[in-house]
N, C-alpha and C. Protein backbone atom coordinates (compact mmCIF):
# COMPACT_ATOMS: atom_id res chain seq x y z
N MET A 1 122.28 99.34 64.39
CA MET A 1 121.05 99.67 65.08
C MET A 1 120.57 101.04 64.58
N THR A 2 119.35 101.10 64.13
CA THR A 2 118.78 102.34 63.65
C THR A 2 118.00 103.01 64.78
N LEU A 3 118.31 104.26 65.02
CA LEU A 3 117.60 105.02 66.06
C LEU A 3 116.40 105.71 65.44
N PRO A 4 115.33 105.88 66.21
CA PRO A 4 114.14 106.54 65.66
C PRO A 4 114.41 108.01 65.36
N ASN A 5 113.62 108.54 64.44
CA ASN A 5 113.76 109.96 64.09
C ASN A 5 112.67 110.79 64.79
N TYR A 6 112.34 110.38 66.00
CA TYR A 6 111.34 111.07 66.81
C TYR A 6 111.68 110.88 68.29
N ALA A 7 111.05 111.68 69.11
CA ALA A 7 111.23 111.57 70.56
C ALA A 7 109.85 111.48 71.20
N VAL A 8 109.70 110.57 72.16
CA VAL A 8 108.42 110.38 72.84
C VAL A 8 108.51 110.96 74.24
N ALA A 9 107.73 112.00 74.46
CA ALA A 9 107.71 112.66 75.77
C ALA A 9 106.95 111.80 76.78
N PRO A 10 107.35 111.86 78.05
CA PRO A 10 106.60 111.13 79.08
C PRO A 10 105.11 111.47 79.07
N GLY A 11 104.78 112.69 78.69
CA GLY A 11 103.37 113.09 78.61
C GLY A 11 102.56 112.21 77.68
N GLU A 12 103.19 111.67 76.65
CA GLU A 12 102.48 110.77 75.75
C GLU A 12 102.14 109.45 76.44
N TYR A 13 103.05 108.96 77.28
CA TYR A 13 102.76 107.76 78.06
C TYR A 13 101.67 108.04 79.09
N ILE A 14 101.75 109.22 79.69
CA ILE A 14 100.71 109.61 80.64
C ILE A 14 99.35 109.64 79.95
N GLN A 15 99.30 110.22 78.76
CA GLN A 15 98.05 110.30 78.01
C GLN A 15 97.50 108.91 77.70
N GLU A 16 98.36 107.99 77.32
CA GLU A 16 97.92 106.62 77.04
C GLU A 16 97.33 105.98 78.29
N TRP A 17 97.98 106.20 79.43
CA TRP A 17 97.48 105.65 80.68
C TRP A 17 96.12 106.25 81.02
N LEU A 18 96.00 107.57 80.86
CA LEU A 18 94.73 108.23 81.14
C LEU A 18 93.60 107.65 80.30
N GLU A 19 93.87 107.44 79.02
CA GLU A 19 92.86 106.86 78.13
C GLU A 19 92.49 105.45 78.57
N ALA A 20 93.49 104.68 78.98
CA ALA A 20 93.24 103.29 79.38
C ALA A 20 92.36 103.20 80.63
N VAL A 21 92.54 104.16 81.55
CA VAL A 21 91.77 104.12 82.80
C VAL A 21 90.61 105.11 82.80
N GLU A 22 90.42 105.77 81.66
CA GLU A 22 89.31 106.71 81.46
C GLU A 22 89.28 107.83 82.50
N LEU A 23 90.43 108.49 82.63
CA LEU A 23 90.56 109.68 83.48
C LEU A 23 90.95 110.86 82.61
N SER A 24 90.63 112.04 83.08
CA SER A 24 91.07 113.25 82.39
C SER A 24 92.38 113.71 83.00
N ASP A 25 93.07 114.58 82.27
CA ASP A 25 94.31 115.13 82.82
C ASP A 25 94.02 115.98 84.06
N VAL A 26 92.87 116.62 84.11
CA VAL A 26 92.48 117.41 85.29
C VAL A 26 92.33 116.49 86.50
N GLN A 27 91.67 115.34 86.30
CA GLN A 27 91.51 114.38 87.40
C GLN A 27 92.87 113.86 87.86
N LEU A 28 93.76 113.62 86.92
CA LEU A 28 95.10 113.17 87.28
C LEU A 28 95.79 114.22 88.13
N GLY A 29 95.73 115.47 87.69
CA GLY A 29 96.35 116.55 88.45
C GLY A 29 95.81 116.62 89.87
N ARG A 30 94.52 116.47 90.02
CA ARG A 30 93.92 116.49 91.37
C ARG A 30 94.45 115.35 92.21
N ARG A 31 94.51 114.16 91.62
CA ARG A 31 95.00 112.99 92.36
C ARG A 31 96.48 113.13 92.72
N MET A 32 97.23 113.82 91.87
CA MET A 32 98.65 114.04 92.14
C MET A 32 98.86 115.22 93.09
N GLY A 33 97.84 116.04 93.25
CA GLY A 33 97.96 117.22 94.10
C GLY A 33 98.71 118.35 93.43
N ILE A 34 98.61 118.43 92.09
CA ILE A 34 99.26 119.51 91.37
C ILE A 34 98.23 120.29 90.56
N SER A 35 98.59 121.47 90.17
CA SER A 35 97.66 122.36 89.46
C SER A 35 97.39 121.87 88.04
N GLU A 36 96.27 122.36 87.49
CA GLU A 36 95.95 122.06 86.10
C GLU A 36 97.06 122.56 85.18
N GLN A 37 97.63 123.72 85.51
CA GLN A 37 98.71 124.28 84.70
C GLN A 37 99.92 123.34 84.70
N HIS A 38 100.28 122.83 85.87
CA HIS A 38 101.44 121.94 85.97
C HIS A 38 101.20 120.65 85.19
N ILE A 39 100.02 120.07 85.31
CA ILE A 39 99.75 118.84 84.57
C ILE A 39 99.76 119.12 83.07
N ALA A 40 99.23 120.26 82.66
CA ALA A 40 99.25 120.62 81.23
C ALA A 40 100.68 120.75 80.73
N GLU A 41 101.54 121.35 81.54
CA GLU A 41 102.95 121.50 81.16
C GLU A 41 103.63 120.14 81.04
N LEU A 42 103.35 119.23 81.97
CA LEU A 42 103.91 117.88 81.88
C LEU A 42 103.45 117.18 80.61
N MET A 43 102.19 117.33 80.30
CA MET A 43 101.64 116.68 79.11
C MET A 43 102.25 117.24 77.83
N GLN A 44 102.71 118.48 77.88
CA GLN A 44 103.28 119.13 76.70
C GLN A 44 104.79 119.01 76.63
N GLY A 45 105.39 118.26 77.54
CA GLY A 45 106.82 118.01 77.44
C GLY A 45 107.71 118.74 78.42
N SER A 46 107.10 119.41 79.40
CA SER A 46 107.90 120.05 80.45
C SER A 46 108.69 118.97 81.19
N PRO A 47 109.90 119.28 81.64
CA PRO A 47 110.71 118.26 82.32
C PRO A 47 109.99 117.62 83.51
N LEU A 48 110.12 116.33 83.60
CA LEU A 48 109.51 115.55 84.68
C LEU A 48 110.52 115.40 85.80
N THR A 49 110.17 115.90 86.97
CA THR A 49 111.07 115.83 88.12
C THR A 49 110.89 114.51 88.86
N THR A 50 111.82 114.22 89.75
CA THR A 50 111.70 113.03 90.59
C THR A 50 110.44 113.11 91.43
N ALA A 51 110.13 114.28 91.95
CA ALA A 51 108.92 114.44 92.76
C ALA A 51 107.66 114.12 91.95
N SER A 52 107.60 114.62 90.73
CA SER A 52 106.45 114.34 89.86
C SER A 52 106.39 112.86 89.50
N ALA A 53 107.54 112.26 89.26
CA ALA A 53 107.58 110.83 88.94
C ALA A 53 107.05 110.00 90.11
N ARG A 54 107.41 110.41 91.32
CA ARG A 54 106.91 109.69 92.51
C ARG A 54 105.40 109.88 92.66
N GLN A 55 104.92 111.08 92.37
CA GLN A 55 103.48 111.33 92.43
C GLN A 55 102.76 110.48 91.37
N LEU A 56 103.34 110.39 90.19
CA LEU A 56 102.76 109.54 89.15
C LEU A 56 102.72 108.08 89.60
N GLU A 57 103.78 107.63 90.24
CA GLU A 57 103.80 106.26 90.75
C GLU A 57 102.66 106.05 91.74
N ASP A 58 102.46 107.00 92.64
CA ASP A 58 101.40 106.88 93.64
C ASP A 58 100.02 106.75 92.99
N VAL A 59 99.82 107.48 91.91
CA VAL A 59 98.51 107.51 91.25
C VAL A 59 98.35 106.36 90.27
N THR A 60 99.38 106.08 89.48
CA THR A 60 99.26 105.09 88.40
C THR A 60 99.65 103.68 88.81
N GLY A 61 100.48 103.56 89.83
CA GLY A 61 101.02 102.25 90.19
C GLY A 61 102.21 101.85 89.34
N ILE A 62 102.59 102.72 88.40
CA ILE A 62 103.74 102.47 87.54
C ILE A 62 104.97 103.03 88.25
N PRO A 63 106.01 102.23 88.41
CA PRO A 63 107.17 102.69 89.19
C PRO A 63 107.72 104.04 88.72
N TYR A 64 108.14 104.85 89.68
CA TYR A 64 108.69 106.17 89.35
C TYR A 64 109.91 106.05 88.46
N THR A 65 110.63 104.94 88.56
CA THR A 65 111.81 104.77 87.72
C THR A 65 111.44 104.68 86.25
N PHE A 66 110.26 104.12 85.94
CA PHE A 66 109.79 104.10 84.55
C PHE A 66 109.65 105.52 84.04
N TRP A 67 109.01 106.37 84.84
CA TRP A 67 108.78 107.76 84.43
C TRP A 67 110.09 108.51 84.27
N LEU A 68 111.03 108.28 85.19
CA LEU A 68 112.33 108.96 85.08
C LEU A 68 113.13 108.45 83.89
N ASP A 69 113.05 107.15 83.63
CA ASP A 69 113.73 106.60 82.45
C ASP A 69 113.13 107.15 81.16
N ALA A 70 111.81 107.29 81.13
CA ALA A 70 111.14 107.86 79.95
C ALA A 70 111.60 109.30 79.75
N GLU A 71 111.73 110.05 80.83
CA GLU A 71 112.20 111.44 80.75
C GLU A 71 113.63 111.50 80.23
N LYS A 72 114.48 110.65 80.78
CA LYS A 72 115.89 110.63 80.37
C LYS A 72 116.02 110.28 78.89
N LEU A 73 115.29 109.28 78.44
CA LEU A 73 115.33 108.88 77.04
C LEU A 73 114.79 109.99 76.14
N TYR A 74 113.72 110.64 76.55
CA TYR A 74 113.13 111.74 75.78
C TYR A 74 114.15 112.86 75.60
N ARG A 75 114.80 113.27 76.69
CA ARG A 75 115.78 114.36 76.59
C ARG A 75 116.96 113.95 75.72
N ALA A 76 117.42 112.71 75.83
CA ALA A 76 118.53 112.25 75.00
C ALA A 76 118.13 112.23 73.52
N ASP A 77 116.92 111.77 73.25
CA ASP A 77 116.45 111.75 71.85
C ASP A 77 116.32 113.17 71.30
N LEU A 78 115.80 114.09 72.11
CA LEU A 78 115.70 115.48 71.66
C LEU A 78 117.07 116.04 71.31
N GLN A 79 118.04 115.77 72.16
CA GLN A 79 119.40 116.25 71.94
C GLN A 79 119.97 115.65 70.66
N ARG A 80 119.81 114.35 70.49
CA ARG A 80 120.32 113.66 69.30
C ARG A 80 119.67 114.22 68.04
N LEU A 81 118.36 114.44 68.07
CA LEU A 81 117.66 114.97 66.90
C LEU A 81 118.06 116.40 66.60
N THR A 82 118.31 117.19 67.63
CA THR A 82 118.78 118.57 67.44
C THR A 82 120.14 118.56 66.78
N GLU A 83 121.03 117.67 67.23
CA GLU A 83 122.36 117.58 66.64
C GLU A 83 122.29 117.16 65.17
N ILE A 84 121.41 116.24 64.86
CA ILE A 84 121.24 115.79 63.47
C ILE A 84 120.74 116.97 62.62
N ASP A 85 119.77 117.72 63.12
CA ASP A 85 119.26 118.88 62.39
C ASP A 85 120.34 119.92 62.17
N GLU A 86 121.16 120.15 63.19
CA GLU A 86 122.22 121.15 63.07
C GLU A 86 123.27 120.72 62.03
N ARG A 87 123.59 119.43 61.99
CA ARG A 87 124.56 118.94 61.02
C ARG A 87 124.04 119.00 59.59
N SER A 88 122.73 118.82 59.45
CA SER A 88 122.16 118.80 58.09
C SER A 88 121.75 120.17 57.59
N SER A 89 121.80 121.18 58.44
CA SER A 89 121.47 122.55 58.02
C SER A 89 122.66 123.17 57.30
N PRO A 90 122.40 123.94 56.24
CA PRO A 90 123.51 124.57 55.50
C PRO A 90 124.20 125.66 56.30
């Protein structure tokens, strides 16, 4: 099994959802009850908490477990890619 050489942050899935429903990240933040700064941080790869995942579920209808699984996979991929980089560095 070949693993990808990239990591997909939950923010990328959020962005895809926003485009599909034609909302801005600011509108999402308002619906979630979080600041523009917090939503910007999530979109840029800041860790997604259980509370944020539940808020996303409330707004998107996508189960919070999807968001938490995406976060877990993202962090694992980042770790794996970092280890690969460290092994290949002189």
